[in-house]
N, C-alpha and C. Protein backbone atom coordinates (compact mmCIF):
# COMPACT_ATOMS: atom_id res chain seq x y z
N UNK A 1 78.03 -92.57 56.12
CA UNK A 1 77.88 -91.54 57.13
C UNK A 1 78.85 -90.34 56.69
N UNK A 2 80.08 -90.57 56.21
CA UNK A 2 80.87 -89.46 55.78
C UNK A 2 80.40 -88.76 54.70
N UNK A 3 79.79 -89.48 53.71
CA UNK A 3 79.13 -88.87 52.48
C UNK A 3 78.02 -87.91 52.84
N UNK A 4 77.25 -88.31 53.87
CA UNK A 4 76.12 -87.46 54.34
C UNK A 4 76.69 -86.18 54.89
N UNK A 5 77.72 -86.28 55.67
CA UNK A 5 78.25 -85.11 56.32
C UNK A 5 78.83 -84.14 55.26
N UNK A 6 79.56 -84.78 54.15
CA UNK A 6 80.05 -83.95 53.07
C UNK A 6 78.92 -83.33 52.33
N UNK A 7 77.87 -83.98 52.13
CA UNK A 7 76.75 -83.45 51.39
C UNK A 7 76.14 -82.19 52.27
N UNK A 8 75.95 -82.45 53.52
CA UNK A 8 75.37 -81.39 54.30
C UNK A 8 76.37 -80.13 54.36
N UNK A 9 77.56 -80.31 54.41
CA UNK A 9 78.57 -79.30 54.39
C UNK A 9 78.57 -78.47 53.09
N UNK A 10 78.45 -79.26 51.93
CA UNK A 10 78.30 -78.61 50.64
C UNK A 10 76.94 -77.85 50.52
N UNK A 11 75.85 -78.48 51.09
CA UNK A 11 74.59 -77.81 50.99
C UNK A 11 74.60 -76.49 51.79
N UNK A 12 75.17 -76.59 53.00
CA UNK A 12 75.26 -75.36 53.84
C UNK A 12 76.18 -74.23 53.20
N UNK A 13 77.26 -74.59 52.55
CA UNK A 13 78.06 -73.65 51.75
C UNK A 13 77.29 -73.03 50.71
N UNK A 14 76.61 -73.78 49.93
CA UNK A 14 75.79 -73.33 48.86
C UNK A 14 74.68 -72.45 49.35
N UNK A 15 74.03 -72.75 50.40
CA UNK A 15 72.99 -71.95 50.90
C UNK A 15 73.54 -70.56 51.42
N UNK A 16 74.65 -70.65 52.00
CA UNK A 16 75.26 -69.42 52.43
C UNK A 16 75.56 -68.45 51.37
N UNK A 17 76.21 -69.03 50.19
CA UNK A 17 76.45 -68.22 48.98
C UNK A 17 75.26 -67.62 48.34
N UNK A 18 74.18 -68.46 48.25
CA UNK A 18 72.86 -67.91 47.70
C UNK A 18 72.31 -66.76 48.58
N UNK A 19 72.47 -67.08 49.90
CA UNK A 19 71.90 -65.98 50.79
C UNK A 19 72.59 -64.71 50.62
N UNK A 20 73.92 -64.70 50.56
CA UNK A 20 74.83 -63.50 50.32
C UNK A 20 74.41 -62.83 48.98
N UNK A 21 74.24 -63.66 48.00
CA UNK A 21 73.83 -63.05 46.65
C UNK A 21 72.48 -62.42 46.77
N UNK A 22 71.56 -63.00 47.32
CA UNK A 22 70.28 -62.49 47.46
C UNK A 22 70.30 -61.19 48.35
N UNK A 23 71.10 -61.17 49.47
CA UNK A 23 71.17 -60.02 50.21
C UNK A 23 71.72 -58.82 49.53
N UNK A 24 72.73 -59.13 48.60
CA UNK A 24 73.31 -58.08 47.78
C UNK A 24 72.26 -57.48 46.75
N UNK A 25 71.49 -58.30 46.16
CA UNK A 25 70.51 -57.87 45.27
C UNK A 25 69.38 -57.04 45.97
N UNK A 26 68.95 -57.56 47.20
CA UNK A 26 68.00 -56.81 47.97
C UNK A 26 68.54 -55.41 48.30
N UNK A 27 69.72 -55.39 48.72
CA UNK A 27 70.38 -54.15 49.13
C UNK A 27 70.40 -53.14 48.02
N UNK A 28 70.73 -53.59 46.75
CA UNK A 28 70.75 -52.72 45.54
C UNK A 28 69.28 -52.21 45.28
N UNK A 29 68.30 -53.16 45.36
CA UNK A 29 66.95 -52.81 45.06
C UNK A 29 66.43 -51.72 46.05
N UNK A 30 66.76 -51.83 47.30
CA UNK A 30 66.36 -50.95 48.31
C UNK A 30 66.92 -49.59 48.04
N UNK A 31 68.21 -49.54 47.62
CA UNK A 31 68.87 -48.26 47.29
C UNK A 31 68.23 -47.64 46.04
N UNK A 32 67.93 -48.37 45.07
CA UNK A 32 67.28 -47.97 43.83
C UNK A 32 65.89 -47.34 44.18
N UNK A 33 65.18 -48.04 45.04
CA UNK A 33 63.84 -47.43 45.53
C UNK A 33 64.00 -46.19 46.20
N UNK A 34 64.94 -46.05 47.10
CA UNK A 34 65.15 -44.83 47.78
C UNK A 34 65.43 -43.62 46.91
N UNK A 35 66.29 -43.94 45.82
CA UNK A 35 66.69 -42.93 44.87
C UNK A 35 65.37 -42.56 44.10
N UNK A 36 64.62 -43.45 43.63
CA UNK A 36 63.41 -43.18 42.85
C UNK A 36 62.43 -42.41 43.81
N UNK A 37 62.24 -42.70 45.05
CA UNK A 37 61.36 -41.81 45.89
C UNK A 37 61.81 -40.44 45.93
N UNK A 38 63.29 -40.19 46.04
CA UNK A 38 63.68 -38.89 46.12
C UNK A 38 63.44 -38.17 44.74
N UNK A 39 63.53 -38.88 43.67
CA UNK A 39 63.29 -38.33 42.39
C UNK A 39 61.80 -37.86 42.26
N UNK A 40 60.94 -38.69 42.78
CA UNK A 40 59.47 -38.42 42.67
C UNK A 40 59.20 -37.25 43.54
N UNK A 41 59.76 -37.00 44.68
CA UNK A 41 59.45 -35.93 45.52
C UNK A 41 59.88 -34.69 44.95
N UNK A 42 61.04 -34.64 44.13
CA UNK A 42 61.50 -33.52 43.55
C UNK A 42 60.60 -33.00 42.44
N UNK A 43 59.76 -33.82 41.82
CA UNK A 43 58.74 -33.43 40.86
C UNK A 43 59.20 -33.27 39.48
N UNK A 44 60.48 -33.45 39.22
CA UNK A 44 60.84 -33.33 37.74
C UNK A 44 60.54 -34.43 36.88
N UNK A 45 60.42 -34.16 35.59
CA UNK A 45 60.05 -35.21 34.66
C UNK A 45 61.31 -36.11 34.32
N UNK A 46 62.43 -35.46 34.24
CA UNK A 46 63.65 -36.15 33.85
C UNK A 46 64.38 -36.60 35.17
N UNK A 47 65.02 -37.71 35.18
CA UNK A 47 65.71 -38.19 36.40
C UNK A 47 67.09 -37.60 36.32
N UNK A 48 67.41 -36.78 37.34
CA UNK A 48 68.74 -36.17 37.48
C UNK A 48 69.25 -36.61 38.81
N UNK A 49 70.38 -37.38 38.74
CA UNK A 49 70.84 -37.93 40.03
C UNK A 49 71.94 -37.02 40.64
N UNK A 50 71.98 -36.95 41.87
CA UNK A 50 73.12 -36.20 42.57
C UNK A 50 74.27 -37.25 42.69
N UNK A 51 75.39 -36.70 42.99
CA UNK A 51 76.62 -37.49 43.19
C UNK A 51 76.39 -38.56 44.27
N UNK A 52 75.63 -38.13 45.35
CA UNK A 52 75.49 -39.16 46.46
C UNK A 52 74.60 -40.27 45.99
N UNK A 53 73.54 -39.90 45.13
CA UNK A 53 72.70 -40.91 44.67
C UNK A 53 73.42 -41.88 43.79
N UNK A 54 74.29 -41.37 42.77
CA UNK A 54 75.09 -42.08 41.88
C UNK A 54 76.03 -42.95 42.76
N UNK A 55 76.72 -42.43 43.83
CA UNK A 55 77.59 -43.19 44.56
C UNK A 55 76.90 -44.33 45.22
N UNK A 56 75.76 -44.13 45.77
CA UNK A 56 75.01 -45.11 46.47
C UNK A 56 74.67 -46.24 45.55
N UNK A 57 74.09 -45.98 44.23
CA UNK A 57 73.75 -47.00 43.34
C UNK A 57 75.03 -47.70 42.85
N UNK A 58 76.11 -46.99 42.66
CA UNK A 58 77.36 -47.63 42.13
C UNK A 58 77.89 -48.57 43.20
N UNK A 59 77.97 -48.14 44.51
CA UNK A 59 78.46 -49.04 45.50
C UNK A 59 77.70 -50.27 45.64
N UNK A 60 76.39 -50.19 45.54
CA UNK A 60 75.55 -51.38 45.77
C UNK A 60 75.54 -52.25 44.49
N UNK A 61 75.60 -51.63 43.30
CA UNK A 61 75.59 -52.39 42.07
C UNK A 61 76.87 -53.05 41.55
N UNK A 62 77.99 -52.50 41.94
CA UNK A 62 79.31 -53.05 41.53
C UNK A 62 79.43 -54.46 41.97
N UNK A 63 79.19 -54.89 43.20
CA UNK A 63 79.41 -56.31 43.54
C UNK A 63 78.51 -57.28 42.83
N UNK A 64 77.38 -56.81 42.27
CA UNK A 64 76.51 -57.70 41.51
C UNK A 64 77.07 -58.08 40.30
N UNK A 65 77.71 -57.21 39.59
CA UNK A 65 78.25 -57.48 38.20
C UNK A 65 77.35 -57.17 37.15
N UNK A 66 77.86 -57.09 35.86
CA UNK A 66 77.00 -56.61 34.72
C UNK A 66 75.92 -57.57 34.37
N UNK A 67 76.12 -58.85 34.54
CA UNK A 67 75.09 -59.86 34.13
C UNK A 67 73.97 -59.73 34.97
N UNK A 68 74.09 -59.78 36.26
CA UNK A 68 72.93 -59.69 37.17
C UNK A 68 72.28 -58.30 37.11
N UNK A 69 73.07 -57.28 36.96
CA UNK A 69 72.48 -55.91 36.84
C UNK A 69 71.59 -55.80 35.55
N UNK A 70 71.86 -56.49 34.53
CA UNK A 70 70.98 -56.54 33.34
C UNK A 70 69.57 -57.04 33.74
N UNK A 71 69.57 -57.91 34.62
CA UNK A 71 68.34 -58.51 35.14
C UNK A 71 67.46 -57.64 36.08
N UNK A 72 68.20 -56.97 36.92
CA UNK A 72 67.49 -56.23 37.99
C UNK A 72 67.44 -54.68 37.93
N UNK A 73 68.40 -54.13 37.32
CA UNK A 73 68.55 -52.59 37.25
C UNK A 73 67.49 -52.12 36.30
N UNK A 74 66.73 -51.11 36.78
CA UNK A 74 65.59 -50.59 36.02
C UNK A 74 65.67 -49.13 35.67
N UNK A 75 66.41 -48.36 36.38
CA UNK A 75 66.42 -46.89 36.23
C UNK A 75 67.63 -46.46 35.33
N UNK A 76 68.63 -47.17 35.42
CA UNK A 76 69.81 -46.82 34.46
C UNK A 76 70.39 -48.19 34.00
N UNK A 77 71.24 -48.10 33.03
CA UNK A 77 71.80 -49.35 32.48
C UNK A 77 72.97 -49.96 33.39
N UNK A 78 73.28 -51.14 33.21
CA UNK A 78 74.42 -51.61 34.07
C UNK A 78 75.65 -50.98 33.72
N UNK A 79 75.87 -50.58 32.46
CA UNK A 79 77.12 -49.93 32.06
C UNK A 79 77.20 -48.57 32.76
N UNK A 80 76.13 -47.88 32.83
CA UNK A 80 76.04 -46.52 33.56
C UNK A 80 76.46 -46.74 34.97
N UNK A 81 75.96 -47.67 35.64
CA UNK A 81 76.23 -48.01 37.10
C UNK A 81 77.74 -48.24 37.20
N UNK A 82 78.24 -49.09 36.38
CA UNK A 82 79.73 -49.52 36.50
C UNK A 82 80.63 -48.22 36.13
N UNK A 83 80.19 -47.42 35.23
CA UNK A 83 80.87 -46.16 34.81
C UNK A 83 80.91 -45.28 36.15
N UNK A 84 79.73 -45.13 36.74
CA UNK A 84 79.64 -44.34 37.99
C UNK A 84 80.64 -44.85 39.04
N UNK A 85 80.73 -46.15 39.14
CA UNK A 85 81.71 -46.75 40.09
C UNK A 85 83.12 -46.37 39.80
N UNK A 86 83.48 -46.50 38.53
CA UNK A 86 84.85 -46.12 38.17
C UNK A 86 85.03 -44.64 38.40
N UNK A 87 84.11 -43.79 38.16
CA UNK A 87 84.34 -42.33 38.26
C UNK A 87 84.27 -41.84 39.67
N UNK A 88 83.29 -42.36 40.45
CA UNK A 88 83.08 -41.78 41.79
C UNK A 88 83.64 -42.52 42.92
N UNK A 89 83.82 -43.83 42.79
CA UNK A 89 84.36 -44.63 43.88
C UNK A 89 85.79 -45.08 43.74
N UNK A 90 86.12 -45.72 42.61
CA UNK A 90 87.30 -46.21 42.28
C UNK A 90 88.33 -45.12 42.08
N UNK A 91 88.01 -43.93 41.60
CA UNK A 91 88.85 -42.81 41.40
C UNK A 91 89.38 -42.25 42.65
N UNK A 92 88.53 -42.57 43.80
CA UNK A 92 88.91 -42.06 45.05
C UNK A 92 90.23 -42.59 45.58
N UNK A 93 90.56 -43.70 45.08
CA UNK A 93 91.79 -44.36 45.63
C UNK A 93 92.98 -44.20 44.76
N UNK A 94 92.84 -43.36 43.73
CA UNK A 94 94.09 -43.00 42.92
C UNK A 94 94.77 -41.86 43.44
N UNK A 95 95.82 -41.88 43.91
CA UNK A 95 96.58 -40.86 44.51
C UNK A 95 97.62 -40.33 43.42
N UNK A 96 97.84 -39.00 43.52
CA UNK A 96 98.83 -38.46 42.62
C UNK A 96 100.22 -39.00 42.93
N UNK A 97 101.09 -39.17 42.02
CA UNK A 97 102.37 -39.77 42.31
C UNK A 97 103.32 -38.61 42.97
N UNK A 98 104.01 -38.98 43.91
CA UNK A 98 104.81 -37.96 44.62
C UNK A 98 105.88 -37.42 43.69
N UNK A 99 106.13 -36.24 43.86
CA UNK A 99 107.20 -35.53 42.96
C UNK A 99 108.51 -36.03 43.33
N UNK A 100 109.39 -36.37 42.41
CA UNK A 100 110.75 -36.85 42.67
C UNK A 100 111.68 -35.66 42.41
N UNK A 101 112.81 -35.77 43.00
CA UNK A 101 113.77 -34.78 42.81
C UNK A 101 113.88 -33.89 44.02
N UNK A 102 114.78 -32.86 43.82
CA UNK A 102 114.95 -31.85 44.87
C UNK A 102 113.78 -31.01 44.93
N UNK A 103 113.38 -30.53 46.19
CA UNK A 103 112.33 -29.60 46.30
C UNK A 103 112.69 -28.25 45.77
N UNK A 104 111.71 -27.51 45.35
CA UNK A 104 111.93 -26.13 44.76
C UNK A 104 112.47 -25.17 45.91
N UNK A 105 113.08 -24.03 45.51
CA UNK A 105 113.60 -23.10 46.38
C UNK A 105 112.50 -22.19 46.80
N UNK A 106 112.44 -21.82 48.11
CA UNK A 106 111.34 -20.89 48.59
C UNK A 106 111.44 -19.63 47.99
N UNK A 107 110.35 -18.94 47.83
CA UNK A 107 110.41 -17.50 47.18
C UNK A 107 111.18 -16.56 48.19
N UNK A 108 111.09 -16.72 49.47
CA UNK A 108 111.76 -15.85 50.40
C UNK A 108 113.26 -15.87 50.30
N UNK A 109 113.84 -17.11 50.01
CA UNK A 109 115.19 -17.15 49.77
C UNK A 109 115.73 -16.66 48.39
N UNK A 110 114.87 -16.80 47.39
CA UNK A 110 115.25 -16.36 46.07
C UNK A 110 115.21 -14.77 46.04
N UNK A 111 114.31 -14.09 46.72
CA UNK A 111 114.35 -12.59 46.71
C UNK A 111 115.34 -12.00 47.65
């Protein structure tokens, strides 16, 4: 009886993990389709992405990882998606270091 409960718990945990993974893949593919539709409406031959489009693909693609992106990404390479993430999203959280030392003298006081 206890073994059956353990097996059911393991099965439920695994099903939840697979469901989250599939949900992330579907979310990325929906974003990719949205970007492709926008590109088709613009009528250009070459795909030129705006920063918002890059940011959307990067935010949806990063959690999937390089290996899974190799299987599903069709319009850009996984390395490009991860590079966009580093440039557009991860860089958002890098703050300049605070200046140390005594503050400068105001120009009014100097003159």
